[in-house]
Each structure stands twice: as structure tokens, then as C-alpha cells.
Amino acid sequence: MNAWFHRITVHSLAIVVSLLVYVLTTRADRERRPPSIAIAWVLGLVAVPYVGLPLYIFFGRRKLPRKFQAWTAVHPHGEHWAEDVIESFGLPGAAPVRVRMHADGREARDALFEVMAGARERLDVSTYILGDDPFGRETIERLIARARAGVRVRLLIDGVGALYVPRRCFRQLHRGGVETAVFCPLLARKTSGPRNWRNHRKWVIADEHALWAGGRNLADEYFLGSPGKPPWLDLTFDLQGDVAAAVSQQFEADWIASNGAPARPAAPHQACGGETRAQFLPSGPDQSEDTVHALLIDACFHAERRILAVTPYFVPDVSLENALRLAARRGVKIDVVIPAVSNHILADFVRNRPLRALARAGVVVHLLPGMVHAKALAFDTSLALGGSVNLDSRSLLVNYESAVVFYGAQEIEWTAQWIAALIPQARPFEAKAPGLFRDLAEGLLLSVAYQL
């Protein structure tokens, strides 16, 4: 009896200590957690405190004290409600830009190499994956060529993505004069915060003035594919203007956080004469708010006629799911395009619960036969977003991500038409009632969906 009493007392004490650590750290950091994430952590700490507490200590934080500083060179226009929301996060305002949207991998490749070749003083590259394939090797050769031409070239790659890059590639880059840094490496502590924070941002920035960005990593499957393997459907764009300077400032913060040597400011450039306007929107632990997540929810309530979305993974949290569902209930036509089978099995499994709820509300979900890796949305004729952000909880609430918000009618309509053109190739999602086992399994996996 005494032994059992002792075990119960110790176990109860472990639960109390675990919950106390959770409450104190959450209040000390003033972290606002989405209900699903908070419930998942609390249940884990109560059920298995000996496992849950170490996991929480290593992976439980969501935000860093480091914060992106507003770029004062842009003067706010205040012409759109979204600008006010984004600027309230301390982020730069919208600015005139010249934009080219890339309809396919060939256009994206040509624009990428053009931006690289145009760098005269500095070329900064941030990517999640650098392929050990023909496209990756050509990218390395072009980076080295710019470095040998006297351009300071810096490559920032995520810690997980770096594991797939052979050491010989890094040695080749170093010999060619390219500086490299690994963001949040798994086996070394060079970046503060949990090791499950991934840098998913994808940028190529030339001289703080030209930007190539979107959803594509630097590997074969994102551009032209390889023999016997067609390319994935993806979206990128390039632009010139002060938005590129805002992205460059964020790259500098990420580079320094990865122990990279800081850069001197690039030489002043002529103001962009672009007729359209766009705005940089980074998201992640280095932002005080869940910026993209907040903007998407607000955009759902502002939408009046249509919402078009394309994403490879669709596991939204309850807040975004409800915003989409309520928009559909009041008559907004919502089309969501996703792959029938993506490259993440668990994400495909757990997405069915939110998809069923949205389908019942009137959202039309289209399943494409091939892999689509594009991430973009269009709301009415009011705004469009493109970038690295997936419509899943991990991307919206955990990862380092970024998007560019477009306010120009041409870019908004181009994005909407690009997404709409995918729909005839797709089959509709059928909202079938799940069996008991599947329903329970979906619920359990959704409790940790933000880690998928």
C-alpha cells in the first residue's frame, strides 16, 4: 500500500510540476497559443508528464524575442485595410513594384537565373532544399560564377534541408567563394529556440532591389522535373522595388541569427517606377503575431464574392477553418485546390476532418491528380498572396515563412485565373462520414497537427 501511495504521490507531483512549468513559461513569455495547441500540450503533460515535460521544454516555445524592425524607407499609403493590419505588426508598408508572375517551371527558372545574373554587389539566397540533382548543381555553378565575378554571395539553408546536401557541395561552394550558413541545425545550437522550428522561406535577392520568391525549392521537381518524373505544379514570381529591400532586411536578420557575418548596405538604387503595389509579410517565431494567419482570417471576413486557394497541405487550425466556413455560409464562393495525394501521408490523412466540415458549409474542394506545391490565395478582386506559406497549422503557426501581398488588379486576377485553370483537371472531394477508428485517429493526429 505504501509503495502504491508513493508512486501515486510522485506521479501527481510530476503532473503538477509539468503544468506549473507550462503555466509559468506561457505567462512569462506572454505567448498566446491557439486552443488546439494549448489543449494538446496540457493533455500530454497530464497523461505522460515524464515524456511531455522534456518535449515541451525542447519544442514548446512559439516565439522569440527577436523581432523584425519596420523598414522606415517605405511610407504607408493606407489605401487598403490589409495594409493597416500588416503595418500594425510593425512591418513595412506597401510600395510600388514591377512584378512578373511565373506560369510554369521554365519561366520560373529563366527568371531565377536572370535575377542571379543581375546581381552586382550582393546576392542572397534562402532555401529549404538545394537538390543534389542537375538543377541544384547548375544553381551551385551559377552562384560560384557570381562570387568569382566579385559579387558577395550568401546561401542560407534550413537545418533539415542541409542534411540532404552532400558535404562535397558545401566544399565546392566554399572553394568558389560562396558563404554558407545553416539555419537552426539539428545537431548544433546556432539558432535560439526549439529545433523543430524550420526556415521555410524561399528568396533570391539581388542588391536589395530584385527579388525572386514563392514556393519553389532549388531542385529538379520544382522546375522542369527529370526523366520519367514530371515537375510539380508550383508558383513563383519576381519583382523589383522596395519590397525587395524589406525582404533583404529580413534575410540579414536570419543570416545573423545563423552566425553569418553581416553585410554592408547595398549602393542606393533608383526608385522603382512600378504601377502596382505589394507588401512583404514575414511570419514565424521572430514575429510578435501570427501575421499571415491573422491576415487570412481577416481576409475571409472581408471577402464578399470569391476566395480561391491552392496549397499542397491543408490542415488549418480551428480559427481559420471557422473563418472559411462562415464565409461560405454567407455566400462567398470558395474553391480550394489541393493534390489528391501529396508527399506527406499524415497531412493527407488528417486533412479529411476539416475538409468534411468545410464541404458541408459549401466550400468546394478540388483534388488534383498530380503533386501541387503552389501556395497562393486570391480574395475577390481585393488582394492576393503568394509565397512559402501552406494552409496548415505548422506553416501558419510554427515555421519561419513569408508571403508577398499583391494589391494590383493584374496580379490578383492572374493569381485567381491560374488557380481556376487547375480546377477542370481535378475531381471533387467527397465528404464521406468516417468510421469510428478513423474518426478517433483523425482527432488524435489533429491534436499534434501543428508538428506534421
Protein backbone atom coordinates (compact mmCIF):
# COMPACT_ATOMS: atom_id res chain seq x y z
CA MET A 1 0.00 0.00 0.00
CA ASN A 2 2.79 2.41 0.91
CA ALA A 3 4.57 1.66 -2.37
CA TRP A 4 1.43 2.42 -4.39
CA PHE A 5 0.79 5.58 -2.38
CA HIS A 6 4.38 6.67 -3.02
CA ARG A 7 4.04 6.07 -6.77
CA ILE A 8 0.75 7.98 -6.98
CA THR A 9 2.25 10.86 -5.00
CA VAL A 10 5.33 11.05 -7.22
CA HIS A 11 3.24 10.84 -10.38
CA SER A 12 0.87 13.53 -9.13
CA LEU A 13 3.83 15.73 -8.25
CA ALA A 14 5.24 15.24 -11.76
CA ILE A 15 1.92 16.33 -13.25
CA VAL A 16 1.75 19.40 -11.01
CA VAL A 17 5.34 20.39 -11.81
CA SER A 18 4.75 19.90 -15.55
CA LEU A 19 1.60 22.03 -15.54
CA LEU A 20 3.31 24.66 -13.38
CA VAL A 21 6.21 24.87 -15.86
CA TYR A 22 3.71 25.22 -18.71
CA VAL A 23 1.74 27.98 -16.98
CA LEU A 24 4.80 29.93 -15.83
CA THR A 25 6.61 29.82 -19.17
CA THR A 26 3.47 30.70 -21.08
CA ARG A 27 2.72 33.66 -18.83
CA ALA A 28 6.35 34.81 -18.63
CA ASP A 29 6.69 34.88 -22.42
CA ARG A 30 3.10 36.14 -22.82
CA GLU A 31 2.52 33.55 -25.52
CA ARG A 32 -0.98 33.32 -26.96
CA ARG A 33 -1.44 29.74 -28.11
CA PRO A 34 -4.24 28.54 -30.38
CA PRO A 35 -6.68 26.41 -28.33
CA SER A 36 -5.83 23.18 -30.19
CA ILE A 37 -2.12 23.59 -29.43
CA ALA A 38 -2.72 24.53 -25.79
CA ILE A 39 -5.06 21.56 -25.25
CA ALA A 40 -2.60 19.16 -26.88
CA TRP A 41 0.25 20.27 -24.60
CA VAL A 42 -1.88 20.17 -21.43
CA LEU A 43 -3.23 16.71 -22.21
CA GLY A 44 0.27 15.45 -22.95
CA LEU A 45 1.66 16.90 -19.71
CA VAL A 46 -1.14 15.32 -17.69
CA ALA A 47 -1.11 11.91 -19.40
CA VAL A 48 2.65 11.37 -19.70
CA PRO A 49 4.46 14.10 -17.72
CA TYR A 50 7.82 12.30 -17.82
CA VAL A 51 7.77 12.47 -21.63
CA GLY A 52 5.62 15.54 -22.08
CA LEU A 53 7.70 17.91 -19.94
CA PRO A 54 11.03 17.29 -21.76
CA LEU A 55 9.24 17.59 -25.10
CA TYR A 56 7.65 20.85 -24.00
CA ILE A 57 10.97 22.27 -22.78
CA PHE A 58 12.66 21.43 -26.10
CA PHE A 59 9.79 22.10 -28.53
CA GLY A 60 7.12 24.09 -26.69
CA ARG A 61 8.13 27.67 -27.40
CA ARG A 62 6.42 29.53 -30.24
CA LYS A 63 8.00 32.96 -30.29
CA LEU A 64 11.40 34.60 -29.97
CA PRO A 65 12.23 38.00 -28.51
CA ARG A 66 13.96 38.81 -31.84
CA LYS A 67 11.56 40.83 -33.96
CA PHE A 68 11.63 42.24 -37.46
CA GLN A 69 12.01 46.00 -37.32
CA ALA A 70 9.88 48.23 -39.53
CA TRP A 71 11.70 49.43 -42.61
CA THR A 72 11.37 53.18 -42.45
CA ALA A 73 12.15 53.79 -46.13
CA VAL A 74 8.56 52.88 -47.05
CA HIS A 75 5.87 55.43 -46.26
CA PRO A 76 2.46 53.88 -45.55
CA HIS A 77 -0.27 54.56 -48.09
CA GLY A 78 -3.23 53.40 -46.02
CA GLU A 79 -5.17 52.60 -49.21
CA HIS A 80 -6.26 49.08 -48.18
CA TRP A 81 -7.44 47.53 -44.93
CA ALA A 82 -4.79 44.80 -45.23
CA GLU A 83 -2.04 47.43 -45.22
CA ASP A 84 -3.26 48.72 -41.88
CA VAL A 85 -3.30 45.20 -40.44
CA ILE A 86 0.21 44.39 -41.67
CA GLU A 87 1.67 47.71 -40.56
CA SER A 88 0.11 47.19 -37.10
CA PHE A 89 2.52 44.26 -36.73
CA GLY A 90 5.45 46.69 -37.09
CA LEU A 91 6.11 45.58 -40.66
CA PRO A 92 6.90 47.76 -43.70
CA GLY A 93 4.11 49.30 -45.70
CA ALA A 94 3.19 48.64 -49.31
CA ALA A 95 5.44 50.02 -52.04
CA PRO A 96 5.44 50.37 -55.85
CA VAL A 97 6.92 47.35 -57.63
CA ARG A 98 7.29 45.80 -61.07
CA VAL A 99 6.09 42.19 -60.94
CA ARG A 100 6.35 39.14 -63.18
CA MET A 101 4.34 36.04 -62.28
CA HIS A 102 5.74 32.71 -63.49
CA ALA A 103 3.21 30.50 -65.21
CA ASP A 104 5.40 27.37 -65.18
CA GLY A 105 8.77 25.96 -64.19
CA ARG A 106 10.53 27.16 -67.31
CA GLU A 107 9.54 30.78 -66.73
CA ALA A 108 10.50 30.43 -63.07
CA ARG A 109 13.92 29.03 -63.96
CA ASP A 110 14.65 31.76 -66.50
CA ALA A 111 13.61 34.49 -64.06
CA LEU A 112 15.69 32.94 -61.27
CA PHE A 113 18.85 32.87 -63.35
CA GLU A 114 18.16 36.38 -64.61
CA VAL A 115 17.93 37.73 -61.06
CA MET A 116 21.14 35.90 -60.14
CA ALA A 117 22.98 37.23 -63.17
CA GLY A 118 21.81 40.78 -62.45
CA ALA A 119 23.49 40.97 -59.03
CA ARG A 120 26.42 43.37 -59.00
CA GLU A 121 27.29 43.76 -55.31
CA ARG A 122 25.41 41.15 -53.30
CA LEU A 123 23.36 38.03 -53.98
CA ASP A 124 21.44 36.46 -51.07
CA VAL A 125 19.72 33.08 -51.35
CA SER A 126 17.45 31.47 -48.76
CA THR A 127 16.06 27.99 -49.44
CA TYR A 128 14.73 24.96 -47.64
CA ILE A 129 16.10 22.43 -50.15
CA LEU A 130 19.08 22.52 -52.50
CA GLY A 131 18.81 19.46 -54.70
CA ASP A 132 21.65 17.04 -55.38
CA ASP A 133 20.45 16.89 -58.98
CA PRO A 134 21.09 18.70 -62.29
CA PHE A 135 19.14 21.79 -61.28
CA GLY A 136 20.82 22.02 -57.87
CA ARG A 137 24.26 21.58 -59.43
CA GLU A 138 23.56 24.25 -62.05
CA THR A 139 22.42 26.60 -59.28
CA ILE A 140 25.67 26.00 -57.40
CA GLU A 141 27.71 26.72 -60.52
CA ARG A 142 25.85 29.97 -61.13
CA LEU A 143 26.33 31.08 -57.52
CA ILE A 144 30.05 30.40 -57.79
CA ALA A 145 30.21 32.30 -61.08
CA ARG A 146 28.71 35.38 -59.44
CA ALA A 147 31.11 35.08 -56.49
CA ARG A 148 34.09 34.89 -58.86
CA ALA A 149 32.75 37.99 -60.63
CA GLY A 150 33.22 39.93 -57.38
CA VAL A 151 29.67 39.65 -56.00
CA ARG A 152 29.27 38.75 -52.33
CA VAL A 153 27.14 35.58 -52.48
CA ARG A 154 25.46 34.15 -49.37
CA LEU A 155 23.45 30.92 -49.19
CA LEU A 156 21.22 30.27 -46.18
CA ILE A 157 19.72 26.78 -45.97
CA ASP A 158 17.50 25.21 -43.34
CA GLY A 159 18.96 22.69 -40.90
CA VAL A 160 16.80 19.82 -42.14
CA GLY A 161 17.33 20.69 -45.80
CA ALA A 162 21.09 20.85 -45.20
CA LEU A 163 21.09 17.17 -44.21
CA TYR A 164 20.26 16.25 -47.81
CA VAL A 165 23.06 18.33 -49.31
CA PRO A 166 26.29 16.32 -49.73
CA ARG A 167 29.35 17.73 -47.95
CA ARG A 168 31.11 17.95 -51.31
CA CYS A 169 28.55 20.57 -52.41
CA PHE A 170 29.34 22.76 -49.42
CA ARG A 171 33.06 22.32 -50.06
CA GLN A 172 32.53 23.28 -53.71
CA LEU A 173 30.63 26.42 -52.67
CA HIS A 174 33.30 27.41 -50.15
CA ARG A 175 36.10 26.94 -52.65
CA GLY A 176 34.14 29.06 -55.13
CA GLY A 177 33.83 31.94 -52.68
CA VAL A 178 30.19 31.44 -51.68
CA GLU A 179 29.41 31.99 -47.98
CA THR A 180 27.04 29.44 -46.45
CA ALA A 181 25.09 29.25 -43.20
CA VAL A 182 22.74 26.62 -41.79
CA PHE A 183 19.59 27.87 -40.09
CA CYS A 184 18.74 26.03 -36.86
CA PRO A 185 20.96 22.96 -37.43
CA LEU A 186 19.66 19.85 -35.70
CA LEU A 187 22.96 18.82 -34.15
CA ALA A 188 24.32 22.21 -33.09
CA ARG A 189 22.87 25.17 -31.27
CA LYS A 190 23.46 28.13 -33.55
CA THR A 191 19.92 29.47 -33.51
CA SER A 192 17.94 30.12 -30.34
CA GLY A 193 14.63 28.34 -29.88
CA PRO A 194 13.34 24.78 -30.34
CA ARG A 195 14.92 22.62 -33.02
CA ASN A 196 11.58 21.89 -34.63
CA TRP A 197 11.41 25.47 -35.96
CA ARG A 198 12.13 25.23 -39.66
CA ASN A 199 13.08 28.04 -42.03
CA HIS A 200 10.75 27.55 -45.00
CA ARG A 201 11.42 30.97 -46.57
CA LYS A 202 12.48 30.91 -50.22
CA TRP A 203 14.14 34.02 -51.61
CA VAL A 204 16.78 35.11 -54.07
CA ILE A 205 17.65 38.79 -53.57
CA ALA A 206 19.98 40.79 -55.81
CA ASP A 207 21.40 44.07 -54.48
CA GLU A 208 18.38 44.69 -52.22
CA HIS A 209 16.39 45.66 -55.32
CA ALA A 210 15.38 42.50 -57.22
CA LEU A 211 13.55 39.59 -55.58
CA TRP A 212 12.67 36.08 -56.79
CA ALA A 213 10.35 34.27 -54.37
CA GLY A 214 7.45 31.85 -53.95
CA GLY A 215 7.02 28.17 -53.25
CA ARG A 216 9.84 26.58 -55.24
CA ASN A 217 12.90 25.00 -53.69
CA LEU A 218 16.07 24.77 -55.78
CA ALA A 219 15.69 21.22 -57.12
CA ASP A 220 14.53 19.42 -60.28
CA GLU A 221 10.97 18.59 -59.22
CA TYR A 222 10.09 22.25 -58.61
CA PHE A 223 11.04 23.40 -62.13
CA LEU A 224 11.29 21.04 -65.12
CA GLY A 225 11.29 17.65 -63.44
CA SER A 226 13.56 14.80 -64.51
CA PRO A 227 13.28 11.89 -66.98
CA GLY A 228 10.20 9.86 -66.06
CA LYS A 229 9.23 12.32 -63.30
CA PRO A 230 7.12 15.31 -64.30
CA PRO A 231 7.61 18.55 -62.36
CA TRP A 232 5.32 19.54 -59.52
CA LEU A 233 2.90 22.39 -60.09
CA ASP A 234 4.29 25.38 -58.26
CA LEU A 235 4.20 29.17 -58.19
CA THR A 236 6.91 31.82 -58.02
CA PHE A 237 7.27 35.44 -59.04
CA ASP A 238 9.95 38.07 -59.28
CA LEU A 239 9.75 41.78 -58.62
CA GLN A 240 11.81 44.94 -58.50
CA GLY A 241 11.32 47.67 -55.94
CA ASP A 242 11.45 48.50 -52.26
CA VAL A 243 9.67 45.27 -51.27
CA ALA A 244 12.91 43.51 -52.20
CA ALA A 245 14.75 45.75 -49.74
CA ALA A 246 12.34 44.74 -46.97
CA VAL A 247 12.97 41.06 -47.76
CA SER A 248 16.70 41.76 -47.78
CA GLN A 249 16.46 43.21 -44.28
CA GLN A 250 14.69 40.06 -43.08
CA PHE A 251 17.33 37.88 -44.76
CA GLU A 252 20.00 39.85 -42.90
CA ALA A 253 18.29 39.09 -39.58
CA ASP A 254 18.04 35.39 -40.44
CA TRP A 255 21.66 35.32 -41.62
CA ILE A 256 22.98 36.93 -38.43
CA ALA A 257 20.83 34.57 -36.32
CA SER A 258 22.63 31.72 -38.11
CA ASN A 259 26.03 33.17 -37.12
CA GLY A 260 26.68 34.65 -40.54
CA ALA A 261 28.78 37.78 -40.94
CA PRO A 262 26.65 40.91 -41.53
CA ALA A 263 26.68 42.73 -44.85
CA ARG A 264 27.17 46.35 -45.67
CA PRO A 265 24.14 48.12 -47.16
CA ALA A 266 23.96 47.91 -50.93
CA ALA A 267 24.51 51.02 -53.01
CA PRO A 268 21.41 53.21 -53.45
CA HIS A 269 19.29 52.34 -56.46
CA GLN A 270 16.84 54.33 -58.49
CA ALA A 271 13.27 54.32 -57.25
CA CYS A 272 11.07 51.72 -58.94
CA GLY A 273 8.57 53.14 -61.38
CA GLY A 274 6.19 50.21 -60.99
CA GLU A 275 2.48 50.88 -61.29
CA THR A 276 1.36 48.08 -58.99
CA ARG A 277 1.82 47.83 -55.23
CA ALA A 278 2.84 44.96 -52.99
CA GLN A 279 3.78 44.37 -49.37
CA PHE A 280 6.17 42.00 -47.61
CA LEU A 281 4.61 39.75 -44.95
CA PRO A 282 7.00 37.51 -42.97
CA SER A 283 5.62 35.01 -40.49
CA GLY A 284 7.19 32.87 -37.80
CA PRO A 285 8.69 32.76 -34.30
CA ASP A 286 10.55 36.04 -34.92
CA GLN A 287 7.25 37.92 -35.33
CA SER A 288 5.22 39.08 -32.35
CA GLU A 289 1.98 37.94 -34.01
CA ASP A 290 0.95 35.06 -36.26
CA THR A 291 0.93 37.52 -39.11
CA VAL A 292 -0.17 35.51 -42.17
CA HIS A 293 -2.66 33.55 -40.10
CA ALA A 294 -4.23 36.78 -38.81
CA LEU A 295 -4.38 38.34 -42.27
CA LEU A 296 -6.05 35.26 -43.78
CA ILE A 297 -8.74 35.21 -41.09
CA ASP A 298 -9.39 38.93 -41.58
CA ALA A 299 -9.50 38.46 -45.36
CA CYS A 300 -12.11 35.71 -45.00
CA PHE A 301 -14.40 38.12 -43.15
CA HIS A 302 -13.78 40.88 -45.70
CA ALA A 303 -14.44 38.63 -48.71
CA GLU A 304 -17.73 39.23 -50.48
CA ARG A 305 -17.73 37.15 -53.70
CA ARG A 306 -14.92 34.63 -54.02
CA ILE A 307 -11.92 33.03 -52.38
CA LEU A 308 -9.55 30.90 -54.44
CA ALA A 309 -6.80 28.94 -52.72
CA VAL A 310 -4.16 26.42 -53.75
CA THR A 311 -1.95 24.60 -51.25
CA PRO A 312 -0.18 21.23 -51.04
CA TYR A 313 -1.18 20.63 -47.40
CA PHE A 314 -4.49 21.66 -45.87
CA VAL A 315 -4.63 21.25 -42.09
CA PRO A 316 -5.91 24.63 -40.82
CA ASP A 317 -6.42 25.35 -37.15
CA VAL A 318 -9.93 25.88 -35.80
CA SER A 319 -9.81 29.68 -36.19
CA LEU A 320 -9.00 29.64 -39.90
CA GLU A 321 -11.36 26.74 -40.54
CA ASN A 322 -14.21 28.65 -38.89
CA ALA A 323 -13.41 31.82 -40.84
CA LEU A 324 -13.59 29.89 -44.13
CA ARG A 325 -16.72 28.06 -43.07
CA LEU A 326 -18.54 31.24 -42.05
CA ALA A 327 -17.53 32.98 -45.27
CA ALA A 328 -19.03 30.09 -47.24
CA ARG A 329 -22.19 30.19 -45.11
CA ARG A 330 -22.82 33.82 -46.04
CA GLY A 331 -22.50 33.09 -49.74
CA VAL A 332 -18.84 33.59 -50.62
CA LYS A 333 -17.81 31.14 -53.36
CA ILE A 334 -14.75 29.30 -52.05
CA ASP A 335 -12.63 26.92 -54.13
CA VAL A 336 -9.69 25.09 -52.53
CA VAL A 337 -7.29 23.18 -54.80
CA ILE A 338 -5.08 20.50 -53.24
CA PRO A 339 -3.33 17.36 -54.52
CA ALA A 340 -5.30 14.14 -54.24
CA VAL A 341 -2.12 12.58 -52.82
CA SER A 342 0.68 14.81 -51.55
CA ASN A 343 4.18 13.86 -50.44
CA HIS A 344 3.10 13.86 -46.75
CA ILE A 345 0.91 10.87 -45.84
CA LEU A 346 -0.06 12.09 -42.36
CA ALA A 347 -1.09 15.50 -43.67
CA ASP A 348 -3.30 13.78 -46.25
CA PHE A 349 -4.90 11.67 -43.51
CA VAL A 350 -5.74 14.41 -41.01
CA ARG A 351 -6.94 16.94 -43.58
CA ASN A 352 -10.16 15.00 -44.10
CA ARG A 353 -11.85 16.23 -40.93
CA PRO A 354 -11.57 19.97 -41.75
CA LEU A 355 -12.35 19.21 -45.40
CA ARG A 356 -15.59 17.47 -44.42
CA ALA A 357 -16.63 20.38 -42.21
CA LEU A 358 -15.89 22.92 -44.94
CA ALA A 359 -17.61 20.87 -47.63
CA ARG A 360 -20.78 20.76 -45.52
CA ALA A 361 -20.64 24.57 -45.33
CA GLY A 362 -20.40 24.90 -49.11
CA VAL A 363 -16.66 25.09 -49.73
CA VAL A 364 -15.73 23.25 -52.94
CA VAL A 365 -12.55 21.20 -52.63
CA HIS A 366 -10.77 20.06 -55.80
CA LEU A 367 -8.32 17.13 -55.77
CA LEU A 368 -5.62 17.29 -58.43
CA PRO A 369 -4.19 14.04 -59.83
CA GLY A 370 -0.55 15.18 -59.56
CA MET A 371 1.50 16.89 -56.90
CA VAL A 372 0.86 20.60 -56.49
CA HIS A 373 3.30 22.56 -54.34
CA ALA A 374 1.97 26.08 -55.04
CA LYS A 375 0.84 28.30 -52.18
CA ALA A 376 -1.42 31.19 -53.21
CA LEU A 377 -4.78 32.79 -52.46
CA ALA A 378 -6.97 35.39 -54.12
CA PHE A 379 -9.75 37.26 -52.28
CA ASP A 380 -12.35 38.91 -54.53
CA THR A 381 -10.53 41.49 -56.66
CA SER A 382 -9.07 43.00 -53.50
CA LEU A 383 -5.82 41.17 -52.76
CA ALA A 384 -3.74 38.09 -53.49
CA LEU A 385 -0.99 36.33 -51.57
CA GLY A 386 1.89 34.24 -52.85
CA GLY A 387 4.89 32.82 -51.05
CA SER A 388 6.02 29.86 -48.98
CA VAL A 389 3.02 29.55 -46.61
CA ASN A 390 0.97 26.35 -46.69
CA LEU A 391 -2.56 26.31 -45.28
CA ASP A 392 -1.62 24.08 -42.37
CA SER A 393 -1.05 24.79 -38.70
CA ARG A 394 2.68 24.10 -38.75
CA SER A 395 3.29 26.51 -41.59
CA LEU A 396 0.99 29.20 -40.20
CA LEU A 397 1.90 28.91 -36.51
CA VAL A 398 5.37 27.37 -36.19
CA ASN A 399 7.66 27.70 -39.21
CA TYR A 400 9.59 30.71 -40.47
CA GLU A 401 7.60 31.61 -43.58
CA SER A 402 6.91 34.60 -45.78
CA ALA A 403 4.45 35.91 -48.34
CA VAL A 404 4.07 38.91 -50.59
CA VAL A 405 0.65 40.57 -50.62
CA PHE A 406 -0.36 41.95 -54.00
CA TYR A 407 -2.81 44.83 -54.33
CA GLY A 408 -2.66 45.34 -58.10
CA ALA A 409 -5.66 44.22 -60.16
CA GLN A 410 -3.45 42.48 -62.73
CA GLU A 411 -1.60 40.31 -60.17
CA ILE A 412 -4.82 39.48 -58.30
CA GLU A 413 -6.61 38.40 -61.46
CA TRP A 414 -3.56 36.49 -62.73
CA THR A 415 -3.41 34.53 -59.45
CA ALA A 416 -7.14 33.83 -59.48
CA GLN A 417 -7.09 32.63 -63.09
CA TRP A 418 -4.01 30.45 -62.50
CA ILE A 419 -5.77 28.67 -59.64
CA ALA A 420 -9.08 28.45 -61.52
CA ALA A 421 -7.33 26.87 -64.52
CA LEU A 422 -6.38 23.90 -62.33
CA ILE A 423 -9.97 23.06 -61.41
CA PRO A 424 -11.02 21.30 -64.67
CA GLN A 425 -8.15 18.83 -64.14
CA ALA A 426 -9.36 17.91 -60.64
CA ARG A 427 -12.04 15.69 -59.17
CA PRO A 428 -14.32 16.88 -56.36
CA PHE A 429 -13.71 15.88 -52.75
CA GLU A 430 -16.43 13.58 -51.38
CA ALA A 431 -17.32 14.25 -47.74
CA LYS A 432 -17.90 10.68 -46.57
CA ALA A 433 -18.67 10.03 -42.91
CA PRO A 434 -15.66 8.36 -41.23
CA GLY A 435 -15.75 5.11 -39.32
CA LEU A 436 -15.14 5.07 -35.57
CA PHE A 437 -11.46 4.11 -35.82
CA ARG A 438 -10.71 6.72 -38.46
CA ASP A 439 -12.59 9.40 -36.54
CA LEU A 440 -10.59 8.69 -33.38
CA ALA A 441 -7.31 8.52 -35.30
CA GLU A 442 -8.01 11.84 -37.05
CA GLY A 443 -8.79 13.50 -33.72
CA LEU A 444 -5.61 12.23 -32.09
CA LEU A 445 -3.40 13.24 -35.02
CA LEU A 446 -5.05 16.65 -35.31
CA SER A 447 -4.04 17.36 -31.72
CA VAL A 448 -0.44 17.42 -32.94
CA ALA A 449 -1.17 18.58 -36.49
CA TYR A 450 0.97 21.68 -36.00
CA GLN A 451 4.01 19.38 -35.83
CA LEU A 452 3.24 17.44 -39.03
